[in-house]
Amino acid sequence: MFKTGMTTGDFWRVVNPKMDVLKKRRRELAEKRKALYAEYRTAQQDMRELTAAKGNLDHLYRATEGRGHKAQER
């Protein structure tokens, strides 16, 4: 295409060197996002387990609380 033997891609790198920097930054951010999302999923799973455990404990507490009052009434 060009008399210098440059391809279109080479031409754009010469004209706009920031594009390579931006692509590199985008790749870095995508890798960071992927790692952080894995951490987020782990924290989310932990939260679900803790919420389920709290619900179970609340249910048991309410069930035993009612029994204590009935025993005192007798």
N, C-alpha and C. Protein backbone atom coordinates (compact mmCIF):
# COMPACT_ATOMS: atom_id res chain seq x y z
N MET A 1 0.82 -1.19 0.00
CA MET A 1 0.00 0.00 0.00
C MET A 1 0.86 1.25 0.00
N PHE A 2 1.85 1.29 0.89
CA PHE A 2 2.73 2.45 0.95
C PHE A 2 4.05 2.13 0.26
N LYS A 3 4.70 3.14 -0.27
CA LYS A 3 5.97 2.93 -0.97
C LYS A 3 7.07 2.53 0.01
N THR A 4 6.91 2.84 1.27
CA THR A 4 7.94 2.53 2.27
C THR A 4 7.86 1.09 2.72
N GLY A 5 6.86 0.36 2.30
CA GLY A 5 6.69 -1.03 2.72
C GLY A 5 5.90 -1.15 4.01
N MET A 6 5.36 -0.06 4.48
CA MET A 6 4.55 -0.08 5.71
C MET A 6 3.16 -0.61 5.40
N THR A 7 2.64 -1.36 6.34
CA THR A 7 1.26 -1.81 6.21
C THR A 7 0.36 -0.76 6.84
N THR A 8 -0.92 -0.94 6.69
CA THR A 8 -1.87 0.01 7.27
C THR A 8 -1.73 0.04 8.79
N GLY A 9 -1.55 -1.15 9.40
CA GLY A 9 -1.39 -1.21 10.85
C GLY A 9 -0.15 -0.47 11.32
N ASP A 10 0.95 -0.62 10.57
CA ASP A 10 2.18 0.09 10.92
C ASP A 10 1.97 1.60 10.82
N PHE A 11 1.26 2.02 9.80
CA PHE A 11 0.99 3.44 9.60
C PHE A 11 0.26 4.03 10.80
N TRP A 12 -0.76 3.32 11.28
CA TRP A 12 -1.54 3.85 12.40
C TRP A 12 -0.73 3.88 13.69
N ARG A 13 0.21 2.95 13.83
CA ARG A 13 1.07 2.97 15.02
C ARG A 13 1.99 4.18 15.01
N VAL A 14 2.45 4.56 13.83
CA VAL A 14 3.31 5.73 13.70
C VAL A 14 2.50 6.99 13.91
N VAL A 15 1.33 7.03 13.33
CA VAL A 15 0.48 8.21 13.42
C VAL A 15 -0.09 8.37 14.83
N ASN A 16 -0.48 7.25 15.47
CA ASN A 16 -1.14 7.31 16.77
C ASN A 16 -0.48 6.32 17.72
N PRO A 17 0.66 6.67 18.31
CA PRO A 17 1.34 5.74 19.22
C PRO A 17 0.57 5.51 20.52
N LYS A 18 -0.34 6.40 20.84
CA LYS A 18 -1.12 6.25 22.07
C LYS A 18 -2.02 5.02 22.03
N MET A 19 -2.39 4.58 20.84
CA MET A 19 -3.30 3.45 20.71
C MET A 19 -2.69 2.19 21.34
N ASP A 20 -1.41 1.96 21.10
CA ASP A 20 -0.75 0.79 21.70
C ASP A 20 -0.75 0.89 23.22
N VAL A 21 -0.52 2.09 23.72
CA VAL A 21 -0.52 2.31 25.17
C VAL A 21 -1.91 2.06 25.74
N LEU A 22 -2.91 2.54 25.03
CA LEU A 22 -4.29 2.35 25.49
C LEU A 22 -4.69 0.88 25.46
N LYS A 23 -4.27 0.15 24.44
CA LYS A 23 -4.59 -1.28 24.35
C LYS A 23 -3.91 -2.04 25.49
N LYS A 24 -2.66 -1.69 25.77
CA LYS A 24 -1.94 -2.33 26.86
C LYS A 24 -2.63 -2.06 28.18
N ARG A 25 -3.03 -0.81 28.41
CA ARG A 25 -3.73 -0.43 29.65
C ARG A 25 -5.05 -1.18 29.77
N ARG A 26 -5.75 -1.33 28.65
CA ARG A 26 -7.04 -2.04 28.66
C ARG A 26 -6.83 -3.51 29.05
N ARG A 27 -5.78 -4.13 28.50
CA ARG A 27 -5.49 -5.53 28.86
C ARG A 27 -5.16 -5.66 30.34
N GLU A 28 -4.37 -4.71 30.87
CA GLU A 28 -4.02 -4.74 32.29
C GLU A 28 -5.27 -4.61 33.16
N LEU A 29 -6.13 -3.68 32.78
CA LEU A 29 -7.36 -3.47 33.56
C LEU A 29 -8.29 -4.68 33.47
N ALA A 30 -8.34 -5.33 32.32
CA ALA A 30 -9.19 -6.51 32.17
C ALA A 30 -8.68 -7.64 33.06
N GLU A 31 -7.36 -7.81 33.14
CA GLU A 31 -6.80 -8.84 34.02
C GLU A 31 -7.09 -8.53 35.48
N LYS A 32 -6.96 -7.26 35.84
CA LYS A 32 -7.24 -6.85 37.23
C LYS A 32 -8.71 -7.07 37.56
N ARG A 33 -9.59 -6.72 36.63
CA ARG A 33 -11.03 -6.91 36.84
C ARG A 33 -11.35 -8.39 37.04
N LYS A 34 -10.72 -9.23 36.25
CA LYS A 34 -10.96 -10.67 36.34
C LYS A 34 -10.55 -11.19 37.72
N ALA A 35 -9.40 -10.75 38.21
CA ALA A 35 -8.92 -11.18 39.53
C ALA A 35 -9.83 -10.66 40.63
N LEU A 36 -10.23 -9.40 40.53
CA LEU A 36 -11.10 -8.82 41.56
C LEU A 36 -12.49 -9.46 41.55
N TYR A 37 -12.98 -9.82 40.37
CA TYR A 37 -14.29 -10.44 40.29
C TYR A 37 -14.27 -11.82 40.93
N ALA A 38 -13.15 -12.54 40.79
CA ALA A 38 -13.02 -13.84 41.45
C ALA A 38 -13.07 -13.66 42.97
N GLU A 39 -12.42 -12.62 43.46
CA GLU A 39 -12.45 -12.32 44.89
C GLU A 39 -13.87 -11.94 45.33
N TYR A 40 -14.56 -11.18 44.49
CA TYR A 40 -15.93 -10.78 44.78
C TYR A 40 -16.85 -12.00 44.88
N ARG A 41 -16.70 -12.94 43.93
CA ARG A 41 -17.54 -14.15 43.97
C ARG A 41 -17.30 -14.95 45.24
N THR A 42 -16.06 -15.03 45.68
CA THR A 42 -15.75 -15.75 46.92
C THR A 42 -16.42 -15.05 48.11
N ALA A 43 -16.30 -13.74 48.17
CA ALA A 43 -16.93 -12.98 49.26
C ALA A 43 -18.45 -13.12 49.21
N GLN A 44 -19.00 -13.14 48.02
CA GLN A 44 -20.45 -13.28 47.85
C GLN A 44 -20.91 -14.65 48.36
N GLN A 45 -20.16 -15.69 48.05
CA GLN A 45 -20.49 -17.04 48.52
C GLN A 45 -20.40 -17.11 50.04
N ASP A 46 -19.36 -16.50 50.62
CA ASP A 46 -19.23 -16.47 52.07
C ASP A 46 -20.43 -15.76 52.71
N MET A 47 -20.85 -14.67 52.10
CA MET A 47 -21.99 -13.91 52.62
C MET A 47 -23.26 -14.76 52.57
N ARG A 48 -23.45 -15.50 51.49
CA ARG A 48 -24.64 -16.37 51.39
C ARG A 48 -24.64 -17.42 52.49
N GLU A 49 -23.47 -18.02 52.73
CA GLU A 49 -23.37 -19.04 53.76
C GLU A 49 -23.64 -18.45 55.15
N LEU A 50 -23.09 -17.27 55.42
CA LEU A 50 -23.32 -16.63 56.72
C LEU A 50 -24.78 -16.23 56.90
N THR A 51 -25.39 -15.75 55.84
CA THR A 51 -26.80 -15.37 55.92
C THR A 51 -27.68 -16.59 56.18
N ALA A 52 -27.35 -17.71 55.54
CA ALA A 52 -28.11 -18.94 55.76
C ALA A 52 -27.92 -19.42 57.21
N ALA A 53 -26.69 -19.35 57.71
CA ALA A 53 -26.43 -19.77 59.08
C ALA A 53 -27.18 -18.87 60.06
N LYS A 54 -27.19 -17.57 59.81
CA LYS A 54 -27.90 -16.64 60.68
C LYS A 54 -29.39 -16.95 60.67
N GLY A 55 -29.93 -17.22 59.49
CA GLY A 55 -31.36 -17.57 59.39
C GLY A 55 -31.68 -18.82 60.17
N ASN A 56 -30.79 -19.81 60.08
CA ASN A 56 -31.00 -21.05 60.82
C ASN A 56 -30.97 -20.80 62.33
N LEU A 57 -30.00 -20.00 62.77
CA LEU A 57 -29.90 -19.70 64.20
C LEU A 57 -31.11 -18.91 64.70
N ASP A 58 -31.55 -17.94 63.90
CA ASP A 58 -32.74 -17.17 64.26
C ASP A 58 -33.96 -18.07 64.38
N HIS A 59 -34.08 -19.00 63.44
CA HIS A 59 -35.21 -19.92 63.47
C HIS A 59 -35.16 -20.80 64.73
N LEU A 60 -33.98 -21.34 65.03
CA LEU A 60 -33.84 -22.17 66.23
C LEU A 60 -34.10 -21.37 67.50
N TYR A 61 -33.63 -20.13 67.53
CA TYR A 61 -33.84 -19.28 68.70
C TYR A 61 -35.34 -19.02 68.92
N ARG A 62 -36.04 -18.71 67.84
CA ARG A 62 -37.48 -18.46 67.96
C ARG A 62 -38.20 -19.73 68.40
N ALA A 63 -37.78 -20.89 67.90
CA ALA A 63 -38.43 -22.15 68.24
C ALA A 63 -38.19 -22.49 69.71
N THR A 64 -36.99 -22.29 70.20
CA THR A 64 -36.70 -22.62 71.60
C THR A 64 -37.25 -21.55 72.54
N GLU A 65 -37.36 -20.33 72.07
CA GLU A 65 -37.89 -19.26 72.90
C GLU A 65 -39.36 -19.53 73.26
N GLY A 66 -40.11 -20.02 72.30
CA GLY A 66 -41.52 -20.35 72.54
C GLY A 66 -41.66 -21.50 73.54
N ARG A 67 -40.78 -22.45 73.52
CA ARG A 67 -40.83 -23.57 74.44
C ARG A 67 -40.54 -23.13 75.87
N GLY A 68 -39.65 -22.20 76.03
CA GLY A 68 -39.30 -21.71 77.37
C GLY A 68 -40.48 -21.03 78.03
N HIS A 69 -41.22 -20.27 77.28
CA HIS A 69 -42.39 -19.58 77.83
C HIS A 69 -43.48 -20.57 78.21
N LYS A 70 -43.66 -21.61 77.44
CA LYS A 70 -44.68 -22.62 77.74
C LYS A 70 -44.31 -23.38 78.99
N ALA A 71 -43.03 -23.66 79.15
CA ALA A 71 -42.59 -24.39 80.36
C ALA A 71 -42.78 -23.53 81.59
N GLN A 72 -42.58 -22.24 81.49
CA GLN A 72 -42.76 -21.36 82.65
C GLN A 72 -44.23 -21.21 83.01
N GLU A 73 -45.10 -21.28 82.04
CA GLU A 73 -46.53 -21.15 82.29
C GLU A 73 -47.07 -22.35 83.05
N ARG A 74 -46.47 -23.49 82.90
CA ARG A 74 -46.99 -24.71 83.54
C ARG A 74 -46.72 -24.69 84.98
